[in-house]
């Protein structure tokens, strides 16, 4: 039986899944919507999805699907969010930086100092940023990646911990396909958002 999470390999979700289910086979979906939909597959027994980031707030796709499906929460973990600037050249001469838009937003001030003239090319995940860099042999090209992704794809790092705020955590939940059991002690809960929900692109 496998666990499903956001791919490709090397994402924060992949890292959280390995922490929650270290001995299980891991499969990957392209979106949170797909992960929830495929949780009904016979060979899948759980899914791991991000629910909240301390800087950006709740993840809209996860909240929407938790309300849509009658699945149960069976585990949770958190990851301190950190980023490395991966590449082989001089960052001051960087021409292209592959970065997920949320990752770039969390490192913008530091990157302006490291790579003042770089053009940012948005990717759909930190792992995709790593894959773009891995596919190119150009010292003027860099990628913003997590330490886990850096190690997973054996990428060189030119600068560690480039996040602007070190107090950044994302919370991940493991979702089981069985409906949550109801007891006489159950209570209702309401989620009230004081800030916009974030969308994973």
N, C-alpha and C. Protein backbone atom coordinates (compact mmCIF):
# COMPACT_ATOMS: atom_id res chain seq x y z
N UNK A 1 0.84 -1.20 0.00
CA UNK A 1 0.00 0.00 0.00
C UNK A 1 0.87 1.25 0.00
N UNK A 2 0.46 2.25 -0.75
CA UNK A 2 1.28 3.44 -0.92
C UNK A 2 0.66 4.67 -0.26
N UNK A 3 1.50 5.69 -0.06
CA UNK A 3 1.06 6.98 0.43
C UNK A 3 1.21 7.97 -0.72
N UNK A 4 0.23 8.84 -0.88
CA UNK A 4 0.21 9.79 -1.99
C UNK A 4 0.50 11.19 -1.47
N UNK A 5 1.31 11.95 -2.21
CA UNK A 5 1.57 13.33 -1.84
C UNK A 5 1.90 14.16 -3.07
N UNK A 6 2.18 15.44 -2.88
CA UNK A 6 2.49 16.33 -3.99
C UNK A 6 3.88 16.05 -4.55
N UNK A 7 3.98 15.93 -5.85
CA UNK A 7 5.24 15.71 -6.50
C UNK A 7 5.69 16.91 -7.31
N UNK A 8 6.83 16.72 -8.00
CA UNK A 8 7.59 15.47 -8.11
C UNK A 8 8.45 15.22 -6.87
N UNK A 9 9.31 14.21 -6.96
CA UNK A 9 10.20 13.91 -5.84
C UNK A 9 11.02 15.14 -5.47
N UNK A 10 11.21 15.33 -4.17
CA UNK A 10 12.03 16.43 -3.71
C UNK A 10 11.26 17.62 -3.16
N UNK A 11 9.93 17.53 -3.11
CA UNK A 11 9.12 18.63 -2.56
C UNK A 11 9.15 18.59 -1.03
N UNK A 12 8.69 19.68 -0.42
CA UNK A 12 8.50 19.67 1.03
C UNK A 12 7.50 18.60 1.43
N UNK A 13 6.47 18.40 0.61
CA UNK A 13 5.48 17.37 0.90
C UNK A 13 6.11 15.98 0.88
N UNK A 14 7.04 15.74 -0.05
CA UNK A 14 7.77 14.48 -0.10
C UNK A 14 8.55 14.28 1.20
N UNK A 15 9.23 15.33 1.65
CA UNK A 15 10.00 15.25 2.88
C UNK A 15 9.10 14.95 4.08
N UNK A 16 7.96 15.62 4.16
CA UNK A 16 7.02 15.39 5.26
C UNK A 16 6.47 13.97 5.23
N UNK A 17 6.21 13.45 4.03
CA UNK A 17 5.68 12.09 3.90
C UNK A 17 6.70 11.06 4.36
N UNK A 18 7.97 11.26 4.01
CA UNK A 18 9.01 10.34 4.46
C UNK A 18 9.14 10.37 5.98
N UNK A 19 8.90 11.52 6.58
CA UNK A 19 8.96 11.62 8.04
C UNK A 19 7.79 10.88 8.68
N UNK A 20 6.60 11.01 8.08
CA UNK A 20 5.41 10.38 8.65
C UNK A 20 5.34 8.89 8.36
N UNK A 21 5.80 8.49 7.17
CA UNK A 21 5.69 7.09 6.75
C UNK A 21 7.03 6.64 6.17
N UNK A 22 8.06 6.47 7.01
CA UNK A 22 9.41 6.20 6.51
C UNK A 22 9.58 4.88 5.77
N UNK A 23 8.69 3.94 5.97
CA UNK A 23 8.85 2.61 5.35
C UNK A 23 7.84 2.35 4.24
N UNK A 24 7.02 3.34 3.93
CA UNK A 24 5.99 3.14 2.92
C UNK A 24 6.43 3.64 1.54
N UNK A 25 5.90 2.99 0.51
CA UNK A 25 6.11 3.45 -0.85
C UNK A 25 5.36 4.76 -1.04
N UNK A 26 5.99 5.72 -1.72
CA UNK A 26 5.39 7.04 -1.91
C UNK A 26 5.09 7.25 -3.39
N UNK A 27 3.87 7.65 -3.68
CA UNK A 27 3.46 8.02 -5.03
C UNK A 27 3.15 9.52 -5.05
N UNK A 28 3.12 10.10 -6.26
CA UNK A 28 3.02 11.56 -6.36
C UNK A 28 1.89 11.99 -7.28
N UNK A 29 1.21 13.08 -6.86
CA UNK A 29 0.20 13.73 -7.67
C UNK A 29 0.68 15.12 -8.04
N UNK A 30 0.07 15.69 -9.07
CA UNK A 30 0.49 17.01 -9.55
C UNK A 30 -0.15 18.16 -8.77
N UNK A 31 -1.31 17.92 -8.18
CA UNK A 31 -2.03 18.97 -7.45
C UNK A 31 -2.65 18.38 -6.20
N UNK A 32 -3.06 19.24 -5.27
CA UNK A 32 -3.75 18.77 -4.07
C UNK A 32 -5.09 18.17 -4.45
N UNK A 33 -5.79 18.76 -5.42
CA UNK A 33 -7.05 18.19 -5.89
C UNK A 33 -6.85 16.74 -6.36
N UNK A 34 -5.78 16.51 -7.12
CA UNK A 34 -5.49 15.16 -7.61
C UNK A 34 -5.17 14.22 -6.46
N UNK A 35 -4.42 14.68 -5.48
CA UNK A 35 -4.05 13.84 -4.34
C UNK A 35 -5.31 13.37 -3.60
N UNK A 36 -6.24 14.28 -3.35
CA UNK A 36 -7.47 13.89 -2.66
C UNK A 36 -8.31 12.95 -3.52
N UNK A 37 -8.40 13.23 -4.80
CA UNK A 37 -9.19 12.37 -5.70
C UNK A 37 -8.63 10.95 -5.75
N UNK A 38 -7.30 10.84 -5.82
CA UNK A 38 -6.66 9.53 -5.95
C UNK A 38 -6.56 8.79 -4.62
N UNK A 39 -6.90 9.44 -3.52
CA UNK A 39 -6.90 8.74 -2.24
C UNK A 39 -7.91 7.60 -2.23
N UNK A 40 -8.90 7.67 -3.12
CA UNK A 40 -9.88 6.60 -3.22
C UNK A 40 -9.34 5.37 -3.94
N UNK A 41 -8.15 5.47 -4.58
CA UNK A 41 -7.57 4.33 -5.27
C UNK A 41 -7.34 3.16 -4.32
N UNK A 42 -7.49 1.95 -4.83
CA UNK A 42 -7.39 0.75 -4.01
C UNK A 42 -6.00 0.60 -3.40
N UNK A 43 -4.95 1.00 -4.13
CA UNK A 43 -3.58 0.78 -3.66
C UNK A 43 -3.08 1.91 -2.76
N UNK A 44 -3.89 2.93 -2.53
CA UNK A 44 -3.48 4.06 -1.70
C UNK A 44 -4.22 4.02 -0.38
N UNK A 45 -3.48 4.11 0.73
CA UNK A 45 -4.15 4.05 2.04
C UNK A 45 -4.13 5.40 2.76
N UNK A 46 -3.29 6.36 2.33
CA UNK A 46 -3.23 7.66 2.98
C UNK A 46 -2.63 8.68 2.02
N UNK A 47 -2.84 9.94 2.34
CA UNK A 47 -2.25 11.05 1.58
C UNK A 47 -1.69 12.06 2.56
N UNK A 48 -0.65 12.78 2.14
CA UNK A 48 -0.05 13.83 2.97
C UNK A 48 -0.12 15.14 2.21
N UNK A 49 -0.70 16.15 2.85
CA UNK A 49 -0.90 17.45 2.20
C UNK A 49 -0.54 18.58 3.15
N UNK A 50 -0.10 19.72 2.63
CA UNK A 50 0.16 20.89 3.48
C UNK A 50 -1.16 21.56 3.87
N UNK A 51 -1.25 21.99 5.11
CA UNK A 51 -2.46 22.65 5.57
C UNK A 51 -2.25 24.13 5.88
N UNK A 52 -1.10 24.45 6.47
CA UNK A 52 -0.91 25.84 6.91
C UNK A 52 0.57 26.19 6.94
N UNK A 53 0.87 27.42 6.55
CA UNK A 53 2.21 27.99 6.69
C UNK A 53 2.13 29.19 7.61
N UNK A 54 3.10 29.30 8.52
CA UNK A 54 3.04 30.36 9.53
C UNK A 54 3.15 31.75 8.93
N UNK A 55 3.74 31.88 7.75
CA UNK A 55 3.86 33.18 7.11
C UNK A 55 2.73 33.46 6.13
N UNK A 56 2.30 32.42 5.41
CA UNK A 56 1.35 32.61 4.31
C UNK A 56 -0.09 32.26 4.67
N UNK A 57 -0.29 31.52 5.75
CA UNK A 57 -1.65 31.17 6.15
C UNK A 57 -2.07 29.79 5.67
N UNK A 58 -3.39 29.56 5.64
CA UNK A 58 -3.92 28.26 5.26
C UNK A 58 -3.84 28.04 3.75
N UNK A 59 -3.76 26.77 3.36
CA UNK A 59 -3.69 26.39 1.95
C UNK A 59 -5.11 26.13 1.44
N UNK A 60 -5.54 26.95 0.51
CA UNK A 60 -6.94 26.93 0.06
C UNK A 60 -7.36 25.56 -0.47
N UNK A 61 -6.52 24.94 -1.32
CA UNK A 61 -6.90 23.66 -1.92
C UNK A 61 -7.11 22.59 -0.86
N UNK A 62 -6.29 22.59 0.17
CA UNK A 62 -6.43 21.58 1.22
C UNK A 62 -7.72 21.79 2.00
N UNK A 63 -8.00 23.03 2.39
CA UNK A 63 -9.22 23.33 3.14
C UNK A 63 -10.46 22.95 2.32
N UNK A 64 -10.46 23.30 1.04
CA UNK A 64 -11.60 23.00 0.18
C UNK A 64 -11.85 21.50 0.09
N UNK A 65 -10.78 20.72 -0.06
CA UNK A 65 -10.95 19.27 -0.19
C UNK A 65 -11.29 18.59 1.12
N UNK A 66 -10.82 19.13 2.24
CA UNK A 66 -11.20 18.58 3.54
C UNK A 66 -12.70 18.74 3.77
N UNK A 67 -13.25 19.83 3.26
CA UNK A 67 -14.69 20.04 3.38
C UNK A 67 -15.47 19.21 2.37
N UNK A 68 -14.84 18.89 1.25
CA UNK A 68 -15.52 18.16 0.17
C UNK A 68 -15.60 16.66 0.44
N UNK A 69 -14.52 16.08 0.99
CA UNK A 69 -14.45 14.63 1.19
C UNK A 69 -14.61 14.27 2.66
N UNK A 70 -15.18 13.10 2.90
CA UNK A 70 -15.36 12.60 4.27
C UNK A 70 -14.18 11.69 4.64
N UNK A 71 -12.99 12.28 4.70
CA UNK A 71 -11.80 11.54 5.09
C UNK A 71 -11.41 11.93 6.51
N UNK A 72 -10.54 11.14 7.11
CA UNK A 72 -10.13 11.41 8.48
C UNK A 72 -8.66 11.82 8.54
N UNK A 73 -8.31 12.63 9.52
CA UNK A 73 -6.93 13.02 9.76
C UNK A 73 -6.29 11.97 10.66
N UNK A 74 -5.19 11.36 10.20
CA UNK A 74 -4.58 10.26 10.94
C UNK A 74 -3.16 10.58 11.42
N UNK A 75 -2.66 11.75 11.10
CA UNK A 75 -1.32 12.11 11.56
C UNK A 75 -0.96 13.51 11.13
N UNK A 76 0.08 14.07 11.73
CA UNK A 76 0.53 15.41 11.33
C UNK A 76 2.00 15.57 11.68
N UNK A 77 2.66 16.48 10.96
CA UNK A 77 4.04 16.83 11.23
C UNK A 77 4.27 18.26 10.75
N UNK A 78 5.39 18.82 11.12
CA UNK A 78 5.72 20.18 10.68
C UNK A 78 7.16 20.21 10.18
N UNK A 79 7.42 21.13 9.27
CA UNK A 79 8.77 21.31 8.74
C UNK A 79 9.17 22.77 8.85
N UNK A 80 10.38 23.01 9.34
CA UNK A 80 10.95 24.35 9.28
C UNK A 80 11.32 24.61 7.83
N UNK A 81 10.85 25.72 7.28
CA UNK A 81 11.05 26.01 5.87
C UNK A 81 12.32 26.82 5.68
N UNK A 82 13.23 26.24 4.91
CA UNK A 82 14.50 26.89 4.62
C UNK A 82 14.82 26.69 3.13
N UNK A 83 15.64 27.57 2.60
CA UNK A 83 15.97 27.50 1.17
C UNK A 83 17.47 27.68 0.95
N UNK A 84 17.95 27.03 -0.11
CA UNK A 84 19.32 27.20 -0.55
C UNK A 84 19.31 27.75 -1.97
N UNK A 85 20.32 28.53 -2.28
CA UNK A 85 20.54 28.97 -3.66
C UNK A 85 21.48 27.97 -4.30
N UNK A 86 20.95 27.22 -5.26
CA UNK A 86 21.73 26.16 -5.91
C UNK A 86 22.26 26.64 -7.24
N UNK A 87 23.50 26.23 -7.57
CA UNK A 87 24.13 26.59 -8.83
C UNK A 87 25.62 26.40 -8.74
N UNK A 88 26.31 26.74 -9.81
CA UNK A 88 27.76 26.53 -9.85
C UNK A 88 28.55 27.81 -10.08
N UNK A 89 27.88 28.87 -10.48
CA UNK A 89 28.60 30.09 -10.82
C UNK A 89 28.61 31.12 -9.71
N UNK A 90 28.92 32.36 -10.09
CA UNK A 90 28.92 33.49 -9.17
C UNK A 90 27.51 34.08 -9.15
N UNK A 91 26.83 34.10 -7.98
CA UNK A 91 25.46 34.62 -7.93
C UNK A 91 25.33 36.05 -8.43
N UNK A 92 26.37 36.86 -8.26
CA UNK A 92 26.30 38.25 -8.72
C UNK A 92 26.20 38.34 -10.23
N UNK A 93 26.59 37.27 -10.93
CA UNK A 93 26.51 37.24 -12.39
C UNK A 93 25.35 36.38 -12.89
N UNK A 94 24.46 36.03 -11.98
CA UNK A 94 23.32 35.17 -12.34
C UNK A 94 22.40 35.87 -13.33
N UNK A 95 21.94 35.13 -14.33
CA UNK A 95 21.02 35.66 -15.33
C UNK A 95 19.60 35.11 -15.15
N UNK A 96 19.49 33.85 -14.72
CA UNK A 96 18.19 33.21 -14.57
C UNK A 96 18.13 32.50 -13.21
N UNK A 97 17.00 32.67 -12.52
CA UNK A 97 16.75 31.97 -11.26
C UNK A 97 15.41 31.25 -11.37
N UNK A 98 15.43 29.93 -11.27
CA UNK A 98 14.20 29.15 -11.23
C UNK A 98 13.70 29.11 -9.80
N UNK A 99 12.43 29.50 -9.59
CA UNK A 99 11.91 29.56 -8.23
C UNK A 99 10.39 29.45 -8.24
N UNK A 100 9.86 28.74 -7.25
CA UNK A 100 8.42 28.75 -7.02
C UNK A 100 8.06 30.13 -6.48
N UNK A 101 6.93 30.71 -6.90
CA UNK A 101 6.61 32.09 -6.49
C UNK A 101 6.54 32.30 -4.99
N UNK A 102 6.01 31.32 -4.24
CA UNK A 102 5.96 31.47 -2.78
C UNK A 102 7.36 31.41 -2.18
N UNK A 103 8.19 30.54 -2.73
CA UNK A 103 9.57 30.43 -2.23
C UNK A 103 10.33 31.73 -2.49
N UNK A 104 10.16 32.28 -3.69
CA UNK A 104 10.86 33.53 -4.01
C UNK A 104 10.39 34.66 -3.11
N UNK A 105 9.10 34.71 -2.84
CA UNK A 105 8.55 35.75 -1.98
C UNK A 105 9.18 35.69 -0.59
N UNK A 106 9.45 34.49 -0.10
CA UNK A 106 10.00 34.31 1.24
C UNK A 106 11.51 34.56 1.29
N UNK A 107 12.14 34.75 0.13
CA UNK A 107 13.60 34.97 0.07
C UNK A 107 13.96 36.24 -0.69
N UNK A 108 13.00 37.05 -1.03
CA UNK A 108 13.19 38.15 -1.97
C UNK A 108 14.29 39.13 -1.54
N UNK A 109 14.27 39.56 -0.28
CA UNK A 109 15.25 40.56 0.16
C UNK A 109 16.68 40.02 0.08
N UNK A 110 16.87 38.78 0.51
CA UNK A 110 18.20 38.19 0.47
C UNK A 110 18.67 37.98 -0.96
N UNK A 111 17.78 37.53 -1.83
CA UNK A 111 18.15 37.25 -3.22
C UNK A 111 18.48 38.53 -3.98
N UNK A 112 17.85 39.64 -3.63
CA UNK A 112 18.18 40.91 -4.29
C UNK A 112 19.63 41.30 -4.03
N UNK A 113 20.13 40.93 -2.87
CA UNK A 113 21.53 41.22 -2.54
C UNK A 113 22.48 40.22 -3.21
N UNK A 114 22.06 38.96 -3.25
CA UNK A 114 22.92 37.92 -3.83
C UNK A 114 22.93 37.96 -5.35
N UNK A 115 21.75 38.17 -5.94
CA UNK A 115 21.60 38.11 -7.41
C UNK A 115 20.89 39.37 -7.89
N UNK A 116 21.53 40.50 -7.88
CA UNK A 116 20.85 41.79 -8.14
C UNK A 116 20.24 41.93 -9.52
N UNK A 117 20.76 41.24 -10.52
CA UNK A 117 20.27 41.43 -11.89
C UNK A 117 19.59 40.19 -12.46
N UNK A 118 19.23 39.24 -11.60
CA UNK A 118 18.71 37.97 -12.10
C UNK A 118 17.25 38.10 -12.58
N UNK A 119 16.91 37.31 -13.59
CA UNK A 119 15.53 37.19 -14.06
C UNK A 119 14.92 35.96 -13.41
N UNK A 120 13.78 36.13 -12.74
CA UNK A 120 13.13 35.02 -12.05
C UNK A 120 12.17 34.32 -13.00
N UNK A 121 12.36 33.01 -13.13
CA UNK A 121 11.46 32.17 -13.93
C UNK A 121 10.66 31.30 -12.97
N UNK A 122 9.34 31.50 -12.93
CA UNK A 122 8.51 30.79 -11.97
C UNK A 122 8.34 29.32 -12.35
N UNK A 123 8.34 28.46 -11.32
CA UNK A 123 8.10 27.03 -11.49
C UNK A 123 6.92 26.62 -10.62
N UNK A 124 6.44 25.40 -10.83
CA UNK A 124 5.26 24.93 -10.09
C UNK A 124 5.60 24.34 -8.73
N UNK A 125 6.88 24.11 -8.44
CA UNK A 125 7.29 23.59 -7.13
C UNK A 125 8.79 23.78 -6.98
N UNK A 126 9.28 23.65 -5.75
CA UNK A 126 10.71 23.72 -5.51
C UNK A 126 11.44 22.57 -6.19
N UNK A 127 10.79 21.42 -6.24
CA UNK A 127 11.39 20.27 -6.92
C UNK A 127 11.53 20.53 -8.42
N UNK A 128 10.55 21.18 -9.02
CA UNK A 128 10.67 21.53 -10.44
C UNK A 128 11.81 22.52 -10.66
N UNK A 129 12.03 23.41 -9.71
CA UNK A 129 13.18 24.33 -9.82
C UNK A 129 14.47 23.54 -9.85
N UNK A 130 14.56 22.54 -8.97
CA UNK A 130 15.76 21.69 -8.93
C UNK A 130 15.94 20.92 -10.24
N UNK A 131 14.85 20.42 -10.80
CA UNK A 131 14.93 19.67 -12.05
C UNK A 131 15.36 20.56 -13.22
N UNK A 132 14.88 21.81 -13.23
CA UNK A 132 15.29 22.74 -14.28
C UNK A 132 16.79 23.01 -14.21
N UNK A 133 17.30 23.20 -13.01
CA UNK A 133 18.74 23.44 -12.86
C UNK A 133 19.54 22.21 -13.24
N UNK A 134 19.07 21.04 -12.81
CA UNK A 134 19.77 19.79 -13.10
C UNK A 134 19.90 19.55 -14.60
N UNK A 135 18.91 20.00 -15.36
CA UNK A 135 18.90 19.76 -16.80
C UNK A 135 19.81 20.71 -17.57
N UNK A 136 20.35 21.71 -16.89
CA UNK A 136 21.17 22.70 -17.58
C UNK A 136 22.57 22.77 -16.99
N UNK A 137 23.55 22.98 -17.84
CA UNK A 137 24.94 23.11 -17.43
C UNK A 137 25.41 24.53 -17.75
N UNK A 138 24.90 25.48 -17.01
CA UNK A 138 25.19 26.88 -17.28
C UNK A 138 25.45 27.59 -15.96
N UNK A 139 26.66 28.14 -15.75
CA UNK A 139 26.97 28.80 -14.48
C UNK A 139 26.17 30.08 -14.23
N UNK A 140 25.44 30.56 -15.23
CA UNK A 140 24.61 31.75 -15.05
C UNK A 140 23.19 31.42 -14.61
N UNK A 141 22.88 30.12 -14.48
CA UNK A 141 21.54 29.68 -14.11
C UNK A 141 21.57 29.12 -12.69
N UNK A 142 20.58 29.54 -11.89
CA UNK A 142 20.49 29.11 -10.50
C UNK A 142 19.07 28.65 -10.19
N UNK A 143 18.90 28.02 -9.03
CA UNK A 143 17.58 27.59 -8.59
C UNK A 143 17.44 27.79 -7.10
N UNK A 144 16.25 28.14 -6.68
CA UNK A 144 15.92 28.27 -5.27
C UNK A 144 15.26 26.97 -4.84
N UNK A 145 15.90 26.23 -3.93
CA UNK A 145 15.42 24.90 -3.57
C UNK A 145 15.51 24.69 -2.06
N UNK A 146 14.82 23.67 -1.58
CA UNK A 146 14.90 23.29 -0.17
C UNK A 146 16.15 22.46 0.06
N UNK A 147 16.64 22.35 1.30
CA UNK A 147 17.78 21.46 1.60
C UNK A 147 17.49 20.02 1.20
N UNK A 148 16.24 19.57 1.40
CA UNK A 148 15.87 18.20 1.03
C UNK A 148 15.97 17.99 -0.47
N UNK A 149 15.46 18.95 -1.24
CA UNK A 149 15.52 18.86 -2.70
C UNK A 149 16.96 18.95 -3.19
N UNK A 150 17.75 19.81 -2.56
CA UNK A 150 19.16 19.94 -2.92
C UNK A 150 19.87 18.61 -2.80
N UNK A 151 19.65 17.92 -1.66
CA UNK A 151 20.30 16.63 -1.43
C UNK A 151 19.72 15.55 -2.33
N UNK A 152 18.40 15.58 -2.55
CA UNK A 152 17.75 14.54 -3.35
C UNK A 152 18.27 14.52 -4.78
N UNK A 153 18.54 15.71 -5.33
CA UNK A 153 19.01 15.80 -6.71
C UNK A 153 20.51 16.06 -6.82
N UNK A 154 21.21 15.99 -5.68
CA UNK A 154 22.68 16.15 -5.64
C UNK A 154 23.12 17.44 -6.33
N UNK A 155 22.51 18.54 -5.93
CA UNK A 155 22.82 19.84 -6.52
C UNK A 155 23.86 20.59 -5.67
N UNK A 156 24.70 21.41 -6.30
CA UNK A 156 25.66 22.22 -5.54
C UNK A 156 24.97 23.46 -4.97
N UNK A 157 25.38 23.87 -3.78
CA UNK A 157 24.80 25.05 -3.15
C UNK A 157 25.84 26.16 -3.10
N UNK A 158 25.43 27.37 -3.47
CA UNK A 158 26.33 28.52 -3.38
C UNK A 158 26.00 29.40 -2.18
N UNK A 159 24.80 29.23 -1.61
CA UNK A 159 24.43 30.00 -0.43
C UNK A 159 23.32 29.26 0.33
N UNK A 160 23.52 29.06 1.63
CA UNK A 160 22.56 28.34 2.45
C UNK A 160 21.66 29.31 3.22
N UNK A 161 20.46 28.84 3.54
CA UNK A 161 19.52 29.57 4.39
C UNK A 161 19.32 31.01 3.89
N UNK A 162 18.79 31.12 2.68
CA UNK A 162 18.58 32.44 2.08
C UNK A 162 17.19 33.00 2.36
N UNK A 163 16.42 32.31 3.20
CA UNK A 163 15.09 32.81 3.56
C UNK A 163 15.22 34.10 4.38
N UNK A 164 14.30 35.03 4.15
CA UNK A 164 14.34 36.31 4.87
C UNK A 164 13.94 36.16 6.33
N UNK A 165 13.03 35.24 6.62
CA UNK A 165 12.54 35.03 7.99
C UNK A 165 12.81 33.58 8.39
N UNK A 166 13.68 33.35 9.38
CA UNK A 166 13.99 31.98 9.78
C UNK A 166 12.85 31.29 10.53
N UNK A 167 11.90 32.08 11.03
CA UNK A 167 10.77 31.50 11.78
C UNK A 167 9.61 31.21 10.82
N UNK A 168 9.81 30.20 10.01
CA UNK A 168 8.84 29.84 8.98
C UNK A 168 8.60 28.34 9.04
N UNK A 169 7.36 27.95 9.28
CA UNK A 169 7.02 26.54 9.45
C UNK A 169 5.79 26.21 8.64
N UNK A 170 5.78 25.03 8.01
CA UNK A 170 4.59 24.53 7.34
C UNK A 170 4.13 23.26 8.05
N UNK A 171 2.82 23.16 8.24
CA UNK A 171 2.21 22.01 8.91
C UNK A 171 1.57 21.10 7.86
N UNK A 172 1.89 19.81 7.94
CA UNK A 172 1.39 18.81 7.00
C UNK A 172 0.51 17.81 7.75
N UNK A 173 -0.56 17.39 7.09
CA UNK A 173 -1.47 16.42 7.70
C UNK A 173 -1.55 15.16 6.84
N UNK A 174 -1.60 14.02 7.52
CA UNK A 174 -1.84 12.75 6.84
C UNK A 174 -3.34 12.49 6.86
N UNK A 175 -3.90 12.21 5.69
CA UNK A 175 -5.33 12.00 5.54
C UNK A 175 -5.60 10.54 5.21
N UNK A 176 -6.47 9.90 6.00
CA UNK A 176 -6.87 8.52 5.73
C UNK A 176 -8.18 8.47 4.99
N UNK A 177 -8.40 7.41 4.21
CA UNK A 177 -9.61 7.36 3.39
C UNK A 177 -10.85 6.99 4.20
N UNK A 178 -10.70 6.38 5.37
CA UNK A 178 -11.86 6.01 6.18
C UNK A 178 -12.50 7.26 6.77
N UNK A 179 -13.83 7.33 6.80
CA UNK A 179 -14.49 8.48 7.43
C UNK A 179 -14.13 8.56 8.90
N UNK A 180 -14.06 9.78 9.42
CA UNK A 180 -13.77 9.96 10.83
C UNK A 180 -14.90 9.36 11.67
N UNK A 181 -14.53 8.63 12.73
CA UNK A 181 -15.52 8.03 13.61
C UNK A 181 -16.16 9.09 14.49
N UNK A 182 -17.47 9.02 14.60
CA UNK A 182 -18.19 9.98 15.41
C UNK A 182 -18.45 9.40 16.79
N UNK A 183 -18.28 10.20 17.81
CA UNK A 183 -18.53 9.78 19.18
C UNK A 183 -19.43 10.80 19.85
N UNK A 184 -19.90 10.46 21.06
CA UNK A 184 -20.76 11.39 21.79
C UNK A 184 -20.01 12.63 22.26
N UNK A 185 -18.67 12.57 22.18
CA UNK A 185 -17.86 13.71 22.61
C UNK A 185 -17.49 14.64 21.46
N UNK A 186 -17.98 14.35 20.25
CA UNK A 186 -17.65 15.17 19.09
C UNK A 186 -18.20 16.58 19.25
N UNK A 187 -17.50 17.51 18.64
CA UNK A 187 -17.96 18.90 18.62
C UNK A 187 -17.71 19.46 17.25
N UNK A 188 -18.39 20.53 16.91
CA UNK A 188 -18.20 21.18 15.62
C UNK A 188 -17.15 22.26 15.75
N UNK A 189 -16.43 22.49 14.64
CA UNK A 189 -15.41 23.54 14.63
C UNK A 189 -15.58 24.38 13.37
N UNK A 190 -15.29 25.67 13.48
CA UNK A 190 -15.39 26.58 12.35
C UNK A 190 -14.03 27.20 12.11
N UNK A 191 -13.63 27.26 10.84
CA UNK A 191 -12.39 27.90 10.46
C UNK A 191 -12.69 29.33 10.03
N UNK A 192 -12.15 30.29 10.73
CA UNK A 192 -12.36 31.69 10.41
C UNK A 192 -11.04 32.27 9.95
N UNK A 193 -10.99 32.78 8.74
CA UNK A 193 -9.74 33.26 8.16
C UNK A 193 -9.68 34.77 8.23
N UNK A 194 -8.62 35.26 8.86
CA UNK A 194 -8.45 36.70 8.97
C UNK A 194 -7.56 37.25 7.87
N UNK A 195 -7.04 36.35 7.00
CA UNK A 195 -6.16 36.76 5.91
C UNK A 195 -6.45 35.86 4.72
N UNK A 196 -6.05 36.24 3.51
CA UNK A 196 -6.37 35.44 2.33
C UNK A 196 -5.74 34.05 2.41
N UNK A 197 -6.46 33.07 1.88
CA UNK A 197 -5.91 31.73 1.75
C UNK A 197 -4.85 31.74 0.66
N UNK A 198 -3.83 30.88 0.82
CA UNK A 198 -2.82 30.80 -0.21
C UNK A 198 -3.15 29.67 -1.17
N UNK A 199 -2.71 29.80 -2.38
CA UNK A 199 -2.93 28.81 -3.42
C UNK A 199 -1.59 28.26 -3.87
N UNK A 200 -1.47 26.92 -3.92
CA UNK A 200 -0.26 26.31 -4.44
C UNK A 200 -0.37 26.23 -5.94
N UNK A 201 0.59 26.79 -6.65
CA UNK A 201 0.53 26.80 -8.11
C UNK A 201 1.60 25.89 -8.69
